[in-house]
Amino acid sequence: MEYQQLQDEIKAAMKAHDNHRRDILRQVHTELKAIEVNERREVTEADVDAMLKRTIKQTKETLDGSIKAGNNQERTDTLTEQVAILEEYLPRQVEGD
């Protein structure tokens, strides 16, 4: 996914009032913006994909902790939805026979 496409997806989520999608995409965008500022370079498509994978991993870890701790179901559902949203934006893997 390209950086500009991520920004466009955030705008679309805002217009659609899709708060879960907006929030998780903003989280990814914030991390990418930090790369852009701290390293003084343009964010590449590889950076976006790596950040998506990293955020998915972190969210899954939070989800596992939430399930083990027996936190409320709403929080668990939100985290599950966020993982599903982020996985939509990952490049499709080629599956062999």
Protein backbone atom coordinates (compact mmCIF):
# COMPACT_ATOMS: atom_id res chain seq x y z
CA MET A 1 0.00 0.00 0.00
CA GLU A 2 1.27 3.45 -0.84
CA TYR A 3 1.49 6.20 1.76
CA GLN A 4 -0.90 8.45 -0.18
CA GLN A 5 -3.40 5.60 -0.42
CA LEU A 6 -3.27 5.23 3.37
CA GLN A 7 -4.03 8.93 3.77
CA ASP A 8 -6.92 8.61 1.31
CA GLU A 9 -8.30 5.62 3.23
CA ILE A 10 -8.25 7.67 6.46
CA LYS A 11 -10.20 10.44 4.76
CA ALA A 12 -12.72 7.94 3.37
CA ALA A 13 -13.18 6.39 6.82
CA MET A 14 -13.76 9.83 8.30
CA LYS A 15 -16.39 10.64 5.68
CA ALA A 16 -18.08 7.28 6.27
CA HIS A 17 -17.98 7.80 10.05
CA ASP A 18 -16.15 4.46 10.37
CA ASN A 19 -14.42 5.20 13.65
CA HIS A 20 -12.70 1.83 14.11
CA ARG A 21 -11.13 1.97 10.64
CA ARG A 22 -10.19 5.64 11.07
CA ASP A 23 -8.57 5.07 14.45
CA ILE A 24 -6.44 2.08 13.49
CA LEU A 25 -5.34 3.66 10.20
CA ARG A 26 -4.42 6.86 12.05
CA GLN A 27 -2.29 4.77 14.40
CA VAL A 28 -0.37 3.37 11.42
CA HIS A 29 -0.12 6.85 9.88
CA THR A 30 1.33 8.29 13.11
CA GLU A 31 4.06 5.66 13.16
CA LEU A 32 4.88 6.33 9.51
CA LYS A 33 4.96 10.07 10.10
CA ALA A 34 7.53 9.46 12.85
CA ILE A 35 9.73 7.64 10.34
CA GLU A 36 9.34 10.51 7.90
CA VAL A 37 10.29 13.13 10.51
CA ASN A 38 12.98 11.26 12.45
CA GLU A 39 14.79 9.75 9.48
CA ARG A 40 14.15 12.72 7.17
CA ARG A 41 13.13 10.61 4.21
CA GLU A 42 10.08 9.75 2.18
CA VAL A 43 7.99 6.83 3.38
CA THR A 44 8.07 3.95 0.90
CA GLU A 45 5.49 1.32 0.12
CA ALA A 46 7.71 -1.20 1.94
CA ASP A 47 7.61 1.02 5.04
CA VAL A 48 3.81 1.10 4.93
CA ASP A 49 3.57 -2.69 4.54
CA ALA A 50 6.08 -3.27 7.36
CA MET A 51 4.19 -0.89 9.63
CA LEU A 52 0.89 -2.61 8.84
CA LYS A 53 2.42 -5.97 9.79
CA ARG A 54 3.93 -4.52 12.96
CA THR A 55 0.64 -2.94 14.00
CA ILE A 56 -1.23 -6.20 13.32
CA LYS A 57 1.26 -8.06 15.50
CA GLN A 58 0.91 -5.53 18.33
CA THR A 59 -2.88 -5.52 18.10
CA LYS A 60 -3.01 -9.33 18.14
CA GLU A 61 -0.78 -9.37 21.24
CA THR A 62 -3.09 -6.85 22.92
CA LEU A 63 -6.08 -8.97 21.88
CA ASP A 64 -4.54 -12.13 23.35
CA GLY A 65 -3.83 -10.30 26.60
CA SER A 66 -7.35 -8.94 26.67
CA ILE A 67 -8.83 -12.41 26.18
CA LYS A 68 -6.61 -13.96 28.87
CA ALA A 69 -7.41 -11.16 31.32
CA GLY A 70 -11.11 -11.61 30.67
CA ASN A 71 -11.63 -7.98 29.73
CA ASN A 72 -14.96 -6.81 28.44
CA GLN A 73 -16.27 -8.27 25.21
CA GLU A 74 -16.57 -4.86 23.54
CA ARG A 75 -12.81 -4.30 23.79
CA THR A 76 -12.11 -7.77 22.43
CA ASP A 77 -14.50 -7.22 19.53
CA THR A 78 -12.88 -3.86 18.72
CA LEU A 79 -9.39 -5.37 18.64
CA THR A 80 -10.58 -8.26 16.48
CA GLU A 81 -12.16 -5.80 14.05
CA GLN A 82 -8.97 -3.71 13.94
CA VAL A 83 -6.87 -6.75 13.03
CA ALA A 84 -9.31 -7.64 10.24
CA ILE A 85 -9.22 -4.07 8.92
CA LEU A 86 -5.43 -3.97 8.82
CA GLU A 87 -5.20 -7.38 7.14
CA GLU A 88 -7.33 -6.01 4.28
CA TYR A 89 -4.51 -3.63 3.39
CA LEU A 90 -1.68 -6.15 3.33
CA PRO A 91 -0.51 -7.33 -0.08
CA ARG A 92 -2.05 -10.64 -1.05
CA GLN A 93 0.25 -13.63 -0.66
CA VAL A 94 0.67 -15.96 -3.60
CA GLU A 95 -0.55 -19.40 -2.67
CA GLY A 96 1.03 -22.43 -4.31
CA ASP A 97 -0.56 -25.79 -4.92
